[in-house]
Structure formats: C-alpha cells, structure tokens
C-alpha cells in the first residue's frame, strides 16, 4: 500500500502493520485507498481513505493520524451527508470493552488489531444510526417492512440515502441464507476457506417528503465475486413484484427461483468439466486449466512447424452458449515483444445438443483449418512492423 502514497512518502511501520492486519483478518471486504501524507514536506503517510461496506454498497471514511503524535488514536472523518452521526456521543464508555470509547481510550500503537476493531465497531454503530433514521421515515409500507422482515433477518441492513435531486431512498440489504449454495461448492470442489459464496438482495424504496413515490421497489441481486464465476445473476429474470406485495411475500418466491438456478449452475459445472476433459482426446493435456470453476483452459497445438496456443473461455451458460477461442502464436511477436493473438472466435459450428466428444472434435477441425489463416496473419503482422 505504500505505493499509493506517492512521492517519497512511505508507510510508517506501525501503520503498515495495522493495514496489513486489516487486510488479512477483516471479516468484511474493507478497501483502503489513497494513502497520503498531510503536507508536502512530510516524509511519511499519516492518512488514508477506507471504503466500508454498507447495504451492499460502500461508504467512504477518511482516517487521519496525528503526524506529531502518531501514538495517539486516529480521527475518523465520516461522509459529508453523515453530520448527524456522532458515534462517541452515543457510545457509553461504561459499556463493552470493544466500544469505540474503550478502543480509543486504550489505544496501543503496537497492537495491529486496534484499527480493524475500531472500524468494525464504528460500522456497527453506523448501521444502528441508519436503522434509526429509516424507522423515523413517515411511511406505512416501510414501517410494515421493518416490522416483518426486520424482525426475522438478524443480519438485515438498512439505510436512508439522499439523492442529488433532494429525493431520498431507503435501501435494504437482505442476505438470502435459505438458498443452499453448498452443492455449488461441492460440485466446483471449492474449499470453504478458499472462496466466499454469498448472495443477497438489495432493495431500494424511493421516498420523498416522507411519502413514497412508488410502491414498487428496485430489486437487485448482489453476489460475491467467486459466485459470479458459476452463477449468472446479472441477466437472471427476477420474479415480478405484484401490487401490494411485501418483502415477506416476495423473498420466498425469489429463493425458489434461485434454487432452480443453482441446480442449473451445478449441471453446467459438470458439463464444462466433462467438455474440458474431452478436449484432451484431440489436443492432449492442457498446459493451464481452471479446475475449480471450469471456465478457462489453454492447450498447445501445431501445424507442421507452426506451434501455437488455443485459449478457451467457457461461458457460465455452457452448453447453450459456446466457448470463445483465441489463438496465440508461440513463434511470432509484435514490435513490443508481445505474442500475436487472433481475434476471438465464437462463430464456428456448434450445437448444444452434441455430446462433449463431438463438440471437441468439431473445434479441433475448426482450429486445424483456421490455424493456416492465422499463420498468414502472423506473417503479415511481422512484415508490417519491419
């Protein structure tokens, strides 16, 4: 992270230790950015920005240390719209030893865990603050949603967002824990400690002047990065939100849709894995292969003395959608020393009804013919650069 500081500024050892601990041990995807120094002549970093997850989005806080007294606890500067958030005023020093007051009071520069504890505690207080703001919105529908789904979902997050045009939105973040993703983890052979497979529903109710603009909220599925490799939620058709519907009615419908999509994703993983294995019948053993999500594989091929690589990118919707192929010469390089690549191919003969062996054979036949054209293209590129 020291590289973000710019110039000759560097991270002091205590701050490097705290940021490293935060990166390795945070249960949430906190992201540190813009490490910087307070003034031009200062030789070390004393402040940075941190993106804190909130309602499936992020809020930005600035953390500032005292450069003259770096052993003092840092100041945390909240967003411009959070002037009413006063966590220390609401946090009793007689309470938990993990309270913000206690953390700041007992600050120890040599303890790398203190910064993470402080940020997590402030985030918890911020979510409490936002929930109180939402509960104060004068809207019967929102109050009903809070009294029903809010009473059942322990990890429910909510916040009141001010839009640039003075309109307001209430955001809910609802973890869909009843959608069992263990089968996906099993089919992809994913160790629990390697990847996080999570899926949540983000709900946005528009509100203005204390009254709802529309009873139909905006709905969006948010998944972890790893889950996107096996489950395509961006193009998923969500259940329709009917008039007078509430979240307690909608969520079971959505979860049933997701269970069906998870089953399809498990089937697709098995089909992709079988397809990758069938390629070895024609191309030999791969030199690179994604054995977890079964999305990418690279093989070596040749035509006479011309040797090249074939990169396969296998879509989540396989076999409904065919893999994309890219050829890469191992003998031709451009003026910058980069290997010459073909265009991506996705227009070769294909049918999702073929078995994996036939799919691989048709691709092998296509590559056998196309590599001649690709070799000519490589030679033309070299002539162009000479």
Protein backbone atom coordinates (compact mmCIF):
# COMPACT_ATOMS: atom_id res chain seq x y z
CA UNK A 1 0.00 0.00 0.00
CA UNK A 2 2.99 2.26 0.38
CA UNK A 3 2.98 2.73 -3.35
CA UNK A 4 -0.32 4.63 -3.08
CA UNK A 5 1.32 7.37 -1.05
CA UNK A 6 3.14 8.97 -3.94
CA UNK A 7 6.41 10.86 -3.96
CA UNK A 8 8.94 9.86 -1.31
CA UNK A 9 6.28 9.28 1.39
CA UNK A 10 6.26 5.83 2.96
CA UNK A 11 4.06 3.98 5.42
CA UNK A 12 5.47 4.11 8.95
CA UNK A 13 5.93 0.62 10.43
CA UNK A 14 3.02 0.91 12.89
CA UNK A 15 0.57 1.90 10.14
CA UNK A 16 1.86 -0.75 7.73
CA UNK A 17 1.30 -3.34 10.45
CA UNK A 18 -2.25 -2.13 11.15
CA UNK A 19 -3.23 -2.05 7.48
CA UNK A 20 -1.75 -5.48 6.86
CA UNK A 21 -3.71 -6.90 9.80
CA UNK A 22 -6.88 -5.24 8.49
CA UNK A 23 -6.35 -6.72 5.04
CA UNK A 24 -5.70 -10.24 6.32
CA UNK A 25 -8.22 -10.51 9.15
CA UNK A 26 -11.23 -8.35 8.27
CA UNK A 27 -14.47 -10.39 8.01
CA UNK A 28 -15.76 -7.72 5.63
CA UNK A 29 -14.35 -6.52 2.29
CA UNK A 30 -12.82 -3.29 3.59
CA UNK A 31 -10.74 -1.50 0.97
CA UNK A 32 -8.00 1.00 1.74
CA UNK A 33 -7.10 3.58 -0.89
CA UNK A 34 -5.36 6.92 -1.36
CA UNK A 35 -2.69 6.56 1.32
CA UNK A 36 -1.17 10.01 1.56
CA UNK A 37 0.75 12.48 3.69
CA UNK A 38 -0.68 15.55 5.36
CA UNK A 39 1.60 18.13 3.73
CA UNK A 40 4.23 18.23 1.04
CA UNK A 41 7.30 18.26 3.27
CA UNK A 42 6.15 15.31 5.36
CA UNK A 43 8.11 12.11 4.76
CA UNK A 44 5.56 9.51 5.79
CA UNK A 45 1.90 8.64 5.31
CA UNK A 46 -0.45 9.71 8.10
CA UNK A 47 -3.88 9.38 6.46
CA UNK A 48 -5.88 7.27 4.04
CA UNK A 49 -9.42 6.60 2.81
CA UNK A 50 -11.27 3.39 3.60
CA UNK A 51 -14.30 2.03 1.76
CA UNK A 52 -16.68 0.39 4.23
CA UNK A 53 -19.44 -1.95 3.02
CA UNK A 54 -22.95 -0.75 3.85
CA UNK A 55 -26.21 -2.09 2.41
CA UNK A 56 -24.34 -3.89 -0.40
CA UNK A 57 -22.64 -0.66 -1.39
CA UNK A 58 -19.72 1.29 0.08
CA UNK A 59 -19.31 4.44 2.13
CA UNK A 60 -16.01 6.31 2.27
CA UNK A 61 -14.39 7.38 5.50
CA UNK A 62 -11.07 9.15 5.97
CA UNK A 63 -8.71 8.03 8.71
CA UNK A 64 -6.20 10.65 9.89
CA UNK A 65 -3.34 10.14 12.35
CA UNK A 66 -1.55 12.95 14.16
CA UNK A 67 1.82 13.21 12.46
CA UNK A 68 3.32 14.95 15.51
CA UNK A 69 1.95 12.34 17.93
CA UNK A 70 1.50 9.15 15.87
CA UNK A 71 0.92 7.08 19.01
CA UNK A 72 -2.38 8.91 19.55
CA UNK A 73 -5.54 7.20 18.18
CA UNK A 74 -6.62 8.40 14.73
CA UNK A 75 -9.51 10.65 13.83
CA UNK A 76 -12.17 9.17 11.57
CA UNK A 77 -13.90 11.64 9.24
CA UNK A 78 -17.29 10.48 8.01
CA UNK A 79 -19.13 11.41 4.83
CA UNK A 80 -20.49 14.86 4.13
CA UNK A 81 -24.09 13.60 4.48
CA UNK A 82 -23.45 11.98 7.85
CA UNK A 83 -23.17 15.09 10.00
CA UNK A 84 -25.73 13.68 12.45
CA UNK A 85 -23.70 10.52 13.03
CA UNK A 86 -21.97 11.07 16.38
CA UNK A 87 -20.80 7.60 17.46
CA UNK A 88 -18.84 8.68 20.52
CA UNK A 89 -21.78 10.65 21.86
CA UNK A 90 -23.96 7.53 21.56
CA UNK A 91 -21.40 5.02 22.80
CA UNK A 92 -21.26 4.65 26.56
CA UNK A 93 -17.74 4.31 27.94
CA UNK A 94 -19.14 2.05 30.67
CA UNK A 95 -20.33 -0.48 28.11
CA UNK A 96 -18.47 -3.20 26.28
CA UNK A 97 -14.68 -3.23 26.27
CA UNK A 98 -14.98 -3.27 22.48
CA UNK A 99 -16.90 0.02 22.35
CA UNK A 100 -15.47 2.89 20.35
CA UNK A 101 -14.74 4.80 23.56
CA UNK A 102 -12.86 1.85 25.05
CA UNK A 103 -10.89 1.22 21.87
CA UNK A 104 -9.78 4.84 21.66
CA UNK A 105 -9.14 5.10 25.39
CA UNK A 106 -6.94 2.00 25.40
CA UNK A 107 -5.29 2.71 22.06
CA UNK A 108 -1.97 0.92 21.66
CA UNK A 109 0.11 1.73 18.61
CA UNK A 110 1.89 -1.62 18.92
CA UNK A 111 -1.34 -3.62 18.64
CA UNK A 112 -2.05 -4.14 14.91
CA UNK A 113 -5.64 -5.26 15.60
CA UNK A 114 -6.82 -1.95 17.08
CA UNK A 115 -7.55 -0.20 13.78
CA UNK A 116 -9.71 -3.07 12.49
CA UNK A 117 -11.60 -3.26 15.79
CA UNK A 118 -12.27 0.48 15.63
CA UNK A 119 -13.56 0.42 12.03
CA UNK A 120 -15.81 -2.61 12.65
CA UNK A 121 -17.22 -1.02 15.79
CA UNK A 122 -17.90 2.27 14.05
CA UNK A 123 -19.57 0.42 11.19
CA UNK A 124 -21.88 -1.39 13.64
CA UNK A 125 -22.80 1.95 15.22
CA UNK A 126 -23.33 3.48 11.79
CA UNK A 127 -25.77 0.71 10.84
CA UNK A 128 -27.67 1.31 14.09
CA UNK A 129 -27.77 5.02 13.29
CA UNK A 130 -29.08 4.37 9.77
CA UNK A 131 -31.74 1.97 11.01
CA UNK A 132 -33.00 4.61 13.42
CA UNK A 133 -33.19 7.12 10.55
CA UNK A 134 -35.17 4.66 8.43
CA UNK A 135 -37.56 3.93 11.28
CA UNK A 136 -38.30 7.66 11.53
CA UNK A 137 -39.49 7.85 7.89
CA UNK A 138 -43.22 8.53 7.90
CA UNK A 139 -44.33 5.77 5.54
CA UNK A 140 -46.68 2.88 6.45
CA UNK A 141 -45.23 0.49 3.88
CA UNK A 142 -41.67 0.92 5.13
CA UNK A 143 -42.77 0.55 8.73
CA UNK A 144 -44.54 -2.67 7.85
CA UNK A 145 -41.46 -4.00 6.04
CA UNK A 146 -39.27 -3.19 9.03
CA UNK A 147 -41.68 -4.81 11.49
CA UNK A 148 -41.85 -8.04 9.47
CA UNK A 149 -38.63 -8.72 7.59
CA UNK A 150 -36.65 -6.69 10.12
CA UNK A 151 -37.81 -8.90 12.95
CA UNK A 152 -36.76 -12.10 11.16
CA UNK A 153 -33.48 -11.17 9.47
CA UNK A 154 -30.74 -10.78 12.07
CA UNK A 155 -28.18 -9.53 9.52
CA UNK A 156 -30.58 -7.14 7.77
CA UNK A 157 -29.01 -3.78 6.93
CA UNK A 158 -30.91 -0.63 6.04
CA UNK A 159 -30.01 2.97 5.36
CA UNK A 160 -31.54 6.25 4.20
CA UNK A 161 -29.78 7.67 1.13
CA UNK A 162 -30.09 11.27 -0.05
CA UNK A 163 -30.04 11.62 -3.84
CA UNK A 164 -28.61 14.68 -5.71
CA UNK A 165 -32.11 15.92 -6.60
CA UNK A 166 -33.13 16.01 -2.91
CA UNK A 167 -35.06 12.78 -3.31
CA UNK A 168 -34.42 10.01 -0.81
CA UNK A 169 -34.24 6.24 -0.99
CA UNK A 170 -34.41 3.61 1.71
CA UNK A 171 -32.05 0.72 0.98
CA UNK A 172 -32.36 -2.77 2.42
CA UNK A 173 -29.65 -5.42 2.21
CA UNK A 174 -31.11 -8.89 2.82
CA UNK A 175 -28.84 -11.96 2.93
CA UNK A 176 -30.56 -14.91 1.24
CA UNK A 177 -29.32 -17.54 3.65
CA UNK A 178 -32.08 -20.03 2.82
CA UNK A 179 -30.61 -20.54 -0.65
CA UNK A 180 -28.31 -23.53 -0.14
CA UNK A 181 -25.05 -22.95 -2.02
CA UNK A 182 -23.28 -25.98 -0.55
CA UNK A 183 -23.99 -28.07 -3.65
CA UNK A 184 -22.32 -25.45 -5.83
CA UNK A 185 -19.32 -25.50 -3.52
CA UNK A 186 -19.26 -29.31 -3.69
CA UNK A 187 -19.62 -29.51 -7.49
CA UNK A 188 -16.90 -26.90 -8.00
CA UNK A 189 -14.75 -28.63 -5.35
CA UNK A 190 -14.29 -25.33 -3.53
CA UNK A 191 -12.76 -25.43 -0.07
CA UNK A 192 -14.73 -23.37 2.44
CA UNK A 193 -11.60 -21.40 3.35
CA UNK A 194 -10.77 -20.50 -0.26
CA UNK A 195 -13.78 -18.62 -1.56
CA UNK A 196 -16.83 -16.85 -0.18
CA UNK A 197 -20.07 -17.85 -1.89
CA UNK A 198 -22.73 -15.36 -0.81
CA UNK A 199 -25.87 -13.94 -2.36
CA UNK A 200 -28.02 -11.07 -1.10
CA UNK A 201 -30.95 -8.97 -2.26
CA UNK A 202 -30.64 -5.20 -2.46
CA UNK A 203 -33.99 -3.41 -2.25
CA UNK A 204 -34.45 0.32 -2.88
CA UNK A 205 -37.67 2.08 -1.90
CA UNK A 206 -37.87 5.65 -3.30
CA UNK A 207 -39.15 8.17 -0.75
CA UNK A 208 -39.68 11.93 -0.97
CA UNK A 209 -41.02 14.36 1.62
CA UNK A 210 -41.85 11.47 3.87
CA UNK A 211 -44.19 9.83 1.32
CA UNK A 212 -43.44 7.04 -1.15
CA UNK A 213 -43.12 7.91 -4.83
CA UNK A 214 -43.83 4.35 -5.86
CA UNK A 215 -44.81 1.18 -4.05
CA UNK A 216 -42.63 -0.92 -6.41
CA UNK A 217 -39.00 -1.05 -5.21
CA UNK A 218 -35.87 -1.56 -7.27
CA UNK A 219 -34.54 -5.09 -6.82
CA UNK A 220 -31.04 -6.33 -7.48
CA UNK A 221 -29.14 -9.50 -6.63
CA UNK A 222 -25.63 -8.98 -5.30
CA UNK A 223 -23.24 -11.93 -5.23
CA UNK A 224 -19.66 -12.43 -4.15
CA UNK A 225 -17.04 -12.27 -6.90
CA UNK A 226 -16.43 -16.01 -6.68
CA UNK A 227 -20.11 -16.87 -7.05
CA UNK A 228 -20.30 -14.84 -10.27
CA UNK A 229 -17.95 -17.40 -11.82
CA UNK A 230 -20.62 -20.10 -11.60
CA UNK A 231 -23.97 -18.31 -11.22
CA UNK A 232 -25.02 -15.57 -13.63
CA UNK A 233 -27.35 -13.30 -11.66
CA UNK A 234 -26.88 -10.18 -13.79
CA UNK A 235 -29.16 -11.47 -16.56
CA UNK A 236 -31.41 -13.51 -14.29
CA UNK A 237 -35.10 -12.75 -14.63
CA UNK A 238 -36.38 -11.96 -11.15
CA UNK A 239 -39.95 -12.66 -10.04
CA UNK A 240 -42.36 -9.80 -10.68
CA UNK A 241 -43.19 -7.57 -7.74
CA UNK A 242 -47.01 -7.50 -7.69
CA UNK A 243 -49.09 -4.59 -6.45
CA UNK A 244 -49.46 -4.51 -2.65
CA UNK A 245 -46.73 -7.15 -2.29
CA UNK A 246 -44.30 -7.06 0.63
CA UNK A 247 -40.84 -8.49 1.13
CA UNK A 248 -42.12 -11.34 3.27
CA UNK A 249 -44.13 -12.50 0.24
CA UNK A 250 -41.50 -11.74 -2.36
CA UNK A 251 -38.41 -13.32 -0.82
CA UNK A 252 -39.73 -16.94 -0.76
CA UNK A 253 -40.58 -16.62 -4.48
CA UNK A 254 -37.11 -15.28 -5.22
CA UNK A 255 -35.42 -18.01 -3.20
CA UNK A 256 -37.31 -20.68 -5.11
CA UNK A 257 -36.12 -19.16 -8.39
CA UNK A 258 -32.56 -19.09 -7.11
CA UNK A 259 -32.70 -22.73 -6.01
CA UNK A 260 -33.62 -23.67 -9.57
CA UNK A 261 -30.77 -21.53 -10.91
CA UNK A 262 -28.32 -23.17 -8.50
CA UNK A 263 -29.34 -26.58 -9.80
CA UNK A 264 -28.76 -25.41 -13.39
CA UNK A 265 -25.38 -23.98 -12.38
CA UNK A 266 -24.34 -27.30 -10.83
CA UNK A 267 -25.29 -29.09 -14.05
CA UNK A 268 -23.32 -26.56 -16.09
CA UNK A 269 -20.21 -27.08 -13.94
CA UNK A 270 -20.33 -30.83 -14.59
CA UNK A 271 -20.84 -30.28 -18.32
CA UNK A 272 -17.97 -27.78 -18.51
CA UNK A 273 -15.68 -30.17 -16.65
CA UNK A 274 -16.61 -33.04 -19.00
CA UNK A 275 -16.01 -30.77 -22.00
CA UNK A 276 -12.57 -29.76 -20.74
CA UNK A 277 -11.66 -33.40 -20.22
CA UNK A 278 -12.83 -34.30 -23.72
CA UNK A 279 -10.51 -31.70 -25.26
CA UNK A 280 -7.52 -33.81 -24.23
CA UNK A 281 -8.64 -36.52 -26.69
CA UNK A 282 -7.74 -34.18 -29.56
CA UNK A 283 -5.37 -31.55 -28.17
CA UNK A 284 -3.56 -33.53 -25.48
CA UNK A 285 -3.15 -32.49 -21.86
CA UNK A 286 -3.72 -28.76 -21.23
CA UNK A 287 -0.91 -26.52 -20.04
CA UNK A 288 -3.33 -24.41 -17.97
CA UNK A 289 -6.82 -25.20 -16.71
CA UNK A 290 -9.31 -23.70 -14.28
CA UNK A 291 -10.21 -26.84 -12.34
CA UNK A 292 -12.47 -25.04 -9.86
CA UNK A 293 -14.95 -23.05 -11.93
CA UNK A 294 -14.08 -24.80 -15.23
CA UNK A 295 -14.18 -21.53 -17.15
CA UNK A 296 -10.74 -21.36 -18.80
CA UNK A 297 -8.33 -23.83 -20.39
CA UNK A 298 -5.25 -23.47 -22.62
CA UNK A 299 -3.83 -26.18 -24.88
CA UNK A 300 -0.87 -26.43 -27.25
CA UNK A 301 -1.47 -27.18 -30.94
CA UNK A 302 0.69 -27.30 -34.05
CA UNK A 303 0.50 -27.44 -37.80
CA UNK A 304 3.80 -28.61 -39.24
CA UNK A 305 6.47 -26.41 -37.65
CA UNK A 306 3.93 -23.75 -36.64
CA UNK A 307 3.21 -24.07 -32.91
CA UNK A 308 0.51 -22.05 -31.18
CA UNK A 309 -1.74 -21.96 -28.13
CA UNK A 310 -5.51 -22.21 -28.06
CA UNK A 311 -7.21 -20.36 -25.20
CA UNK A 312 -10.75 -21.46 -24.33
CA UNK A 313 -13.13 -19.23 -22.39
CA UNK A 314 -16.15 -21.29 -21.38
CA UNK A 315 -19.31 -19.27 -20.52
CA UNK A 316 -21.47 -19.90 -17.47
CA UNK A 317 -24.38 -20.73 -19.79
CA UNK A 318 -22.48 -23.61 -21.41
CA UNK A 319 -23.55 -25.51 -23.48
CA UNK A 320 -26.32 -23.06 -24.50
CA UNK A 321 -23.52 -20.65 -25.32
CA UNK A 322 -20.39 -21.95 -26.98
CA UNK A 323 -16.83 -21.35 -25.76
CA UNK A 324 -14.81 -18.47 -27.17
CA UNK A 325 -11.48 -19.46 -28.72
CA UNK A 326 -8.37 -17.32 -29.13
CA UNK A 327 -5.21 -18.48 -30.92
CA UNK A 328 -1.79 -17.28 -29.76
CA UNK A 329 1.38 -17.83 -31.73
CA UNK A 330 4.39 -19.12 -29.82
CA UNK A 331 6.72 -18.05 -32.67
CA UNK A 332 5.52 -14.60 -33.72
CA UNK A 333 5.78 -11.41 -31.65
CA UNK A 334 4.92 -7.80 -32.38
CA UNK A 335 7.30 -4.84 -32.12
CA UNK A 336 6.78 -4.68 -28.35
CA UNK A 337 7.64 -8.33 -27.84
CA UNK A 338 4.07 -9.42 -27.22
CA UNK A 339 2.82 -12.68 -28.76
CA UNK A 340 0.45 -12.21 -31.67
CA UNK A 341 -3.17 -13.16 -30.97
CA UNK A 342 -6.05 -13.95 -33.25
CA UNK A 343 -9.48 -12.41 -32.96
CA UNK A 344 -11.85 -14.17 -30.54
CA UNK A 345 -13.74 -16.94 -32.36
CA UNK A 346 -17.34 -17.71 -31.43
CA UNK A 347 -18.73 -18.26 -34.92
CA UNK A 348 -17.60 -21.83 -35.52
CA UNK A 349 -20.03 -24.77 -35.94
CA UNK A 350 -21.77 -25.55 -32.67
CA UNK A 351 -24.82 -27.27 -31.23
CA UNK A 352 -25.63 -27.60 -27.51
CA UNK A 353 -27.17 -30.98 -28.34
CA UNK A 354 -23.83 -32.54 -29.28
CA UNK A 355 -22.06 -34.63 -26.70
CA UNK A 356 -18.75 -33.34 -25.36
CA UNK A 357 -16.65 -35.54 -27.64
CA UNK A 358 -18.37 -34.24 -30.77
CA UNK A 359 -18.00 -30.66 -29.52
CA UNK A 360 -14.26 -31.14 -29.07
CA UNK A 361 -13.89 -32.85 -32.45
CA UNK A 362 -15.69 -30.02 -34.26
CA UNK A 363 -13.50 -27.45 -32.50
CA UNK A 364 -10.36 -29.41 -33.40
CA UNK A 365 -11.44 -29.50 -37.06
CA UNK A 366 -12.13 -25.76 -36.99
CA UNK A 367 -8.76 -24.96 -35.41
CA UNK A 368 -6.98 -27.22 -37.94
CA UNK A 369 -8.41 -25.15 -40.80
CA UNK A 370 -8.24 -21.74 -39.13
CA UNK A 371 -4.61 -22.01 -37.97
CA UNK A 372 -3.46 -21.75 -41.60
CA UNK A 373 -5.17 -18.37 -41.91
CA UNK A 374 -3.83 -17.37 -38.51
CA UNK A 375 -0.26 -18.22 -39.52
CA UNK A 376 -0.60 -15.98 -42.60
CA UNK A 377 -1.95 -13.22 -40.39
CA UNK A 378 1.07 -13.52 -38.06
CA UNK A 379 3.46 -13.27 -41.00
CA UNK A 380 1.65 -10.17 -42.30
CA UNK A 381 1.90 -8.51 -38.88
CA UNK A 382 5.66 -9.14 -38.85
CA UNK A 383 6.03 -7.69 -42.35
CA UNK A 384 4.06 -4.64 -41.31
CA UNK A 385 6.41 -3.96 -38.39
CA UNK A 386 9.67 -4.48 -40.36
